[in-house]
C-alpha atoms as a PDB file:
ATOM      1  CA  UNK A   1      -0.846   7.201  -9.828  1.00  0.00           C
ATOM      2  CA  UNK A   2      -0.239   8.219  -6.237  1.00  0.00           C
ATOM      3  CA  UNK A   3       1.191  11.595  -7.216  1.00  0.00           C
ATOM      4  CA  UNK A   4      -0.240  12.206 -10.684  1.00  0.00           C
ATOM      5  CA  UNK A   5      -3.822  10.940 -10.238  1.00  0.00           C
ATOM      6  CA  UNK A   6      -3.420   9.433 -13.705  1.00  0.00           C
ATOM      7  CA  UNK A   7      -3.233   5.779 -14.649  1.00  0.00           C
ATOM      8  CA  UNK A   8       0.074   4.936 -16.371  1.00  0.00           C
ATOM      9  CA  UNK A   9      -1.642   2.143 -18.308  1.00  0.00           C
ATOM     10  CA  UNK A  10      -4.762   3.801 -19.767  1.00  0.00           C
ATOM     11  CA  UNK A  11      -4.414   7.473 -18.818  1.00  0.00           C
ATOM     12  CA  UNK A  12      -7.622   7.386 -16.778  1.00  0.00           C
ATOM     13  CA  UNK A  13      -8.131   9.940 -14.024  1.00  0.00           C
ATOM     14  CA  UNK A  14     -10.608   8.128 -11.752  1.00  0.00           C
ATOM     15  CA  UNK A  15      -8.077   6.845  -9.206  1.00  0.00           C
ATOM     16  CA  UNK A  16      -9.191   5.493  -5.841  1.00  0.00           C
ATOM     17  CA  UNK A  17      -6.964   5.076  -2.765  1.00  0.00           C
ATOM     18  CA  UNK A  18      -7.819   1.884  -0.882  1.00  0.00           C
ATOM     19  CA  UNK A  19      -6.492   2.187   2.687  1.00  0.00           C
ATOM     20  CA  UNK A  20      -5.609  -0.562   5.105  1.00  0.00           C
ATOM     21  CA  UNK A  21      -8.246  -1.331   7.744  1.00  0.00           C
ATOM     22  CA  UNK A  22      -6.105  -1.272  10.920  1.00  0.00           C
ATOM     23  CA  UNK A  23      -8.657  -2.926  13.209  1.00  0.00           C
ATOM     24  CA  UNK A  24      -9.059  -5.999  11.044  1.00  0.00           C
ATOM     25  CA  UNK A  25      -6.483  -8.772  11.190  1.00  0.00           C
ATOM     26  CA  UNK A  26      -4.856  -9.609   7.833  1.00  0.00           C
ATOM     27  CA  UNK A  27      -6.738  -6.988   5.861  1.00  0.00           C
ATOM     28  CA  UNK A  28      -5.202  -5.750   2.646  1.00  0.00           C
ATOM     29  CA  UNK A  29      -1.631  -6.247   1.612  1.00  0.00           C
ATOM     30  CA  UNK A  30       0.596  -5.988   4.642  1.00  0.00           C
ATOM     31  CA  UNK A  31       4.288  -6.461   5.263  1.00  0.00           C
ATOM     32  CA  UNK A  32       5.075  -7.957   8.650  1.00  0.00           C
ATOM     33  CA  UNK A  33       8.448  -7.007  10.144  1.00  0.00           C
ATOM     34  CA  UNK A  34       8.006  -9.054  13.311  1.00  0.00           C
ATOM     35  CA  UNK A  35       7.160 -12.648  14.179  1.00  0.00           C
ATOM     36  CA  UNK A  36       4.340 -11.349  16.399  1.00  0.00           C
ATOM     37  CA  UNK A  37       1.592 -10.810  13.843  1.00  0.00           C
ATOM     38  CA  UNK A  38      -0.052  -7.726  15.324  1.00  0.00           C
ATOM     39  CA  UNK A  39       3.278  -5.978  15.853  1.00  0.00           C
ATOM     40  CA  UNK A  40       5.409  -4.717  13.024  1.00  0.00           C
ATOM     41  CA  UNK A  41       2.536  -4.552  10.558  1.00  0.00           C
ATOM     42  CA  UNK A  42       3.310  -2.167   7.684  1.00  0.00           C
ATOM     43  CA  UNK A  43       0.234  -1.377   5.584  1.00  0.00           C
ATOM     44  CA  UNK A  44       0.575  -1.414   1.814  1.00  0.00           C
ATOM     45  CA  UNK A  45      -1.864   1.115   0.399  1.00  0.00           C
ATOM     46  CA  UNK A  46      -3.465   0.356  -2.962  1.00  0.00           C
ATOM     47  CA  UNK A  47      -4.288   2.842  -5.701  1.00  0.00           C
ATOM     48  CA  UNK A  48      -6.797   1.517  -8.227  1.00  0.00           C
ATOM     49  CA  UNK A  49      -7.689   2.886 -11.653  1.00  0.00           C
ATOM     50  CA  UNK A  50     -11.466   2.618 -11.957  1.00  0.00           C
ATOM     51  CA  UNK A  51     -11.234   2.805 -15.747  1.00  0.00           C
ATOM     52  CA  UNK A  52      -9.058  -0.240 -16.470  1.00  0.00           C
ATOM     53  CA  UNK A  53      -8.411  -1.921 -13.088  1.00  0.00           C
ATOM     54  CA  UNK A  54      -4.677  -1.286 -12.933  1.00  0.00           C
ATOM     55  CA  UNK A  55      -3.382  -1.323  -9.323  1.00  0.00           C
ATOM     56  CA  UNK A  56      -0.280   0.150  -7.685  1.00  0.00           C
ATOM     57  CA  UNK A  57       0.865  -0.699  -4.160  1.00  0.00           C
ATOM     58  CA  UNK A  58       2.637   1.856  -1.952  1.00  0.00           C
ATOM     59  CA  UNK A  59       4.255   2.024   1.461  1.00  0.00           C
ATOM     60  CA  UNK A  60       3.442   5.620   2.270  1.00  0.00           C
ATOM     61  CA  UNK A  61       5.753   6.807   5.035  1.00  0.00           C
ATOM     62  CA  UNK A  62       9.533   7.075   5.397  1.00  0.00           C
ATOM     63  CA  UNK A  63       9.293   5.562   8.889  1.00  0.00           C
ATOM     64  CA  UNK A  64       7.610   2.441   7.499  1.00  0.00           C
ATOM     65  CA  UNK A  65      10.237   2.182   4.767  1.00  0.00           C
ATOM     66  CA  UNK A  66      12.967   2.348   7.401  1.00  0.00           C
ATOM     67  CA  UNK A  67      11.330  -0.462   9.398  1.00  0.00           C
ATOM     68  CA  UNK A  68      11.259  -2.610   6.244  1.00  0.00           C
ATOM     69  CA  UNK A  69      14.954  -1.877   5.603  1.00  0.00           C
ATOM     70  CA  UNK A  70      15.812  -2.897   9.168  1.00  0.00           C
ATOM     71  CA  UNK A  71      13.798  -6.101   8.969  1.00  0.00           C
ATOM     72  CA  UNK A  72      14.811  -7.271   5.503  1.00  0.00           C
ATOM     73  CA  UNK A  73      18.106  -5.521   4.805  1.00  0.00           C
END
C-alpha cells in the first residue's frame, strides 16, 4: 500500500497515511530501542485502506531500520 496506493486485500485506492505524533508520549505504534522511553523511539507509520479497514505498518527510513537491527539483532 505504501508504494502502490492500492489495498492488497480489496484493491481499494483510498489509502491514508497515519503519521506518528512526535510530541505526544506513547502515540501510535512505536518501537523503543532504549530503556529511556523518550530516547530511541522509532515511529511505526500506519497505512489504512478506507474501503475495507486493512492496515499496514511501516518503519520508513533506513536509519531507523539500522537502529532496530542494533537494538534487537
